[in-house]
């Protein structure tokens, strides 16, 4: 038994046909909290699955490029640049993704998707070090994913 809501609007992409192409950039950041010993293992290259930051960087790039496949109403746009950086702190790894494009819509979703994928891949590669005796992750958490900067400039 389905109930229709009055004036129900179906989900759909926003029409951007009439918008002019503009240079756009967005930077997103986020971090994963880990045990200090795990951050040290990442830093020294002692992770069973290999080089954590290289894999996380590739995951961020692929995810940013695939954003419209992951976020259904996001427009496919040509990315003209993509930078991924990591900072290792005492008990966390911070990821920053900067995306550029010349197009009709912003690139913040691509930057956010890239950061999310990078952090998820870090978790996957170090989870064996983060588990407690019950197999859970009481201290591991992904947090503070956000757009730190968004800009556009008309030609």
Protein backbone atom coordinates (compact mmCIF):
# COMPACT_ATOMS: atom_id res chain seq x y z
CA UNK A 1 0.00 0.00 0.00
CA UNK A 2 1.70 3.20 -1.14
CA UNK A 3 0.84 6.64 0.01
CA UNK A 4 1.42 9.57 -2.28
CA UNK A 5 2.36 12.82 -0.70
CA UNK A 6 0.65 15.94 -1.98
CA UNK A 7 2.71 17.71 -4.65
CA UNK A 8 5.42 15.06 -4.45
CA UNK A 9 8.51 16.05 -6.37
CA UNK A 10 10.65 13.28 -7.80
CA UNK A 11 14.40 13.39 -7.32
CA UNK A 12 16.38 14.56 -10.32
CA UNK A 13 19.46 16.39 -11.49
CA UNK A 14 19.44 20.17 -11.58
CA UNK A 15 19.51 21.53 -15.15
CA UNK A 16 22.74 23.47 -15.61
CA UNK A 17 22.48 23.91 -19.39
CA UNK A 18 22.35 27.70 -19.29
CA UNK A 19 25.19 28.17 -16.80
CA UNK A 20 28.50 29.40 -18.24
CA UNK A 21 31.67 27.36 -17.71
CA UNK A 22 33.71 28.71 -14.82
CA UNK A 23 37.05 27.78 -13.23
CA UNK A 24 36.19 26.10 -9.94
CA UNK A 25 38.16 24.67 -7.07
CA UNK A 26 37.23 22.97 -3.83
CA UNK A 27 39.32 21.63 -0.98
CA UNK A 28 38.04 19.10 1.53
CA UNK A 29 39.70 17.72 4.64
CA UNK A 30 39.04 14.99 7.16
CA UNK A 31 40.92 12.76 9.54
CA UNK A 32 41.04 9.28 10.97
CA UNK A 33 41.89 8.82 14.63
CA UNK A 34 44.21 5.89 15.26
CA UNK A 35 46.39 4.47 17.98
CA UNK A 36 49.77 6.19 18.20
CA UNK A 37 51.43 2.86 17.43
CA UNK A 38 49.37 2.58 14.24
CA UNK A 39 50.41 6.05 13.06
CA UNK A 40 54.02 5.09 13.78
CA UNK A 41 53.60 1.88 11.75
CA UNK A 42 52.19 3.90 8.83
CA UNK A 43 55.08 6.36 9.08
CA UNK A 44 57.73 3.63 9.16
CA UNK A 45 56.10 1.56 6.39
CA UNK A 46 55.35 -1.43 8.63
CA UNK A 47 51.81 -2.25 7.45
CA UNK A 48 51.03 -5.78 6.17
CA UNK A 49 49.03 -4.58 3.15
CA UNK A 50 51.77 -2.16 2.02
CA UNK A 51 52.17 1.59 1.59
CA UNK A 52 49.06 3.03 3.22
CA UNK A 53 49.35 6.59 1.96
CA UNK A 54 50.01 5.59 -1.66
CA UNK A 55 46.94 3.35 -1.69
CA UNK A 56 44.84 6.04 0.04
CA UNK A 57 46.03 8.62 -2.51
CA UNK A 58 45.02 6.40 -5.44
CA UNK A 59 41.66 5.67 -3.77
CA UNK A 60 41.03 9.41 -3.37
CA UNK A 61 41.81 10.08 -7.02
CA UNK A 62 39.62 7.23 -8.28
CA UNK A 63 36.75 8.17 -5.97
CA UNK A 64 36.82 11.84 -6.99
CA UNK A 65 36.72 10.81 -10.65
CA UNK A 66 33.84 8.40 -9.95
CA UNK A 67 31.77 10.78 -7.81
CA UNK A 68 28.75 10.84 -10.18
CA UNK A 69 28.57 7.03 -9.98
CA UNK A 70 28.55 7.16 -6.18
CA UNK A 71 26.32 10.21 -5.69
CA UNK A 72 23.46 9.72 -8.16
CA UNK A 73 22.39 13.34 -8.68
CA UNK A 74 25.91 14.71 -9.02
CA UNK A 75 26.78 15.92 -12.54
CA UNK A 76 29.69 14.28 -14.35
CA UNK A 77 32.24 17.04 -14.82
CA UNK A 78 35.74 17.16 -16.28
CA UNK A 79 38.34 17.36 -13.53
CA UNK A 80 41.38 19.38 -14.57
CA UNK A 81 43.43 18.82 -11.44
CA UNK A 82 43.43 16.78 -8.26
CA UNK A 83 45.91 16.97 -5.37
CA UNK A 84 45.89 14.64 -2.37
CA UNK A 85 47.98 15.28 0.73
CA UNK A 86 48.34 13.65 4.12
CA UNK A 87 49.61 14.86 7.48
CA UNK A 88 50.55 12.38 10.17
CA UNK A 89 49.98 13.63 13.68
CA UNK A 90 50.42 11.90 17.01
CA UNK A 91 47.14 9.96 16.93
CA UNK A 92 45.59 10.74 13.56
CA UNK A 93 46.08 11.01 9.84
CA UNK A 94 44.63 14.08 8.14
CA UNK A 95 43.70 13.89 4.45
CA UNK A 96 43.28 16.92 2.20
CA UNK A 97 41.94 16.75 -1.35
CA UNK A 98 41.91 19.74 -3.71
CA UNK A 99 40.00 19.42 -6.98
CA UNK A 100 39.90 21.83 -9.92
CA UNK A 101 37.64 21.98 -12.96
CA UNK A 102 36.36 24.26 -15.67
CA UNK A 103 32.66 23.57 -15.75
CA UNK A 104 29.10 24.54 -14.96
CA UNK A 105 28.91 23.19 -11.42
CA UNK A 106 31.11 22.99 -8.35
CA UNK A 107 33.63 20.32 -7.39
CA UNK A 108 33.05 20.13 -3.64
CA UNK A 109 31.34 16.72 -3.87
CA UNK A 110 34.39 15.34 -5.71
CA UNK A 111 36.72 16.70 -3.01
CA UNK A 112 34.54 15.28 -0.21
CA UNK A 113 34.28 11.91 -1.94
CA UNK A 114 38.05 11.79 -2.39
CA UNK A 115 38.70 12.51 1.29
CA UNK A 116 36.14 9.91 2.37
CA UNK A 117 37.65 7.21 0.16
CA UNK A 118 41.19 8.00 1.33
CA UNK A 119 40.20 7.70 4.98
CA UNK A 120 38.22 4.49 4.42
CA UNK A 121 41.21 2.92 2.68
CA UNK A 122 43.49 3.87 5.54
CA UNK A 123 41.07 2.17 7.95
CA UNK A 124 40.96 -0.94 5.78
CA UNK A 125 44.74 -1.22 5.65
CA UNK A 126 45.37 -0.74 9.39
CA UNK A 127 42.29 -2.32 10.94
CA UNK A 128 44.22 -5.35 12.17
CA UNK A 129 46.27 -2.98 14.36
CA UNK A 130 43.23 -1.10 15.64
CA UNK A 131 41.02 -4.00 16.79
CA UNK A 132 40.58 -4.67 20.49
CA UNK A 133 40.30 -8.14 22.06
CA UNK A 134 36.62 -8.35 20.98
CA UNK A 135 37.38 -7.44 17.35
CA UNK A 136 35.92 -3.95 17.67
CA UNK A 137 37.42 -0.51 17.08
CA UNK A 138 36.76 1.49 20.26
CA UNK A 139 39.14 4.35 19.45
CA UNK A 140 39.23 4.39 15.65
CA UNK A 141 37.03 6.99 14.01
CA UNK A 142 36.73 9.02 10.87
CA UNK A 143 35.78 12.59 11.66
CA UNK A 144 35.70 16.21 10.66
CA UNK A 145 35.12 15.66 6.94
CA UNK A 146 34.27 19.05 5.54
CA UNK A 147 34.76 21.51 2.70
CA UNK A 148 37.50 23.84 3.84
CA UNK A 149 37.47 26.07 0.77
CA UNK A 150 35.43 26.57 -2.41
CA UNK A 151 36.10 29.13 -5.12
CA UNK A 152 35.00 30.04 -8.60
CA UNK A 153 36.29 32.59 -11.07
CA UNK A 154 34.55 33.74 -14.25
CA UNK A 155 36.55 34.06 -17.46
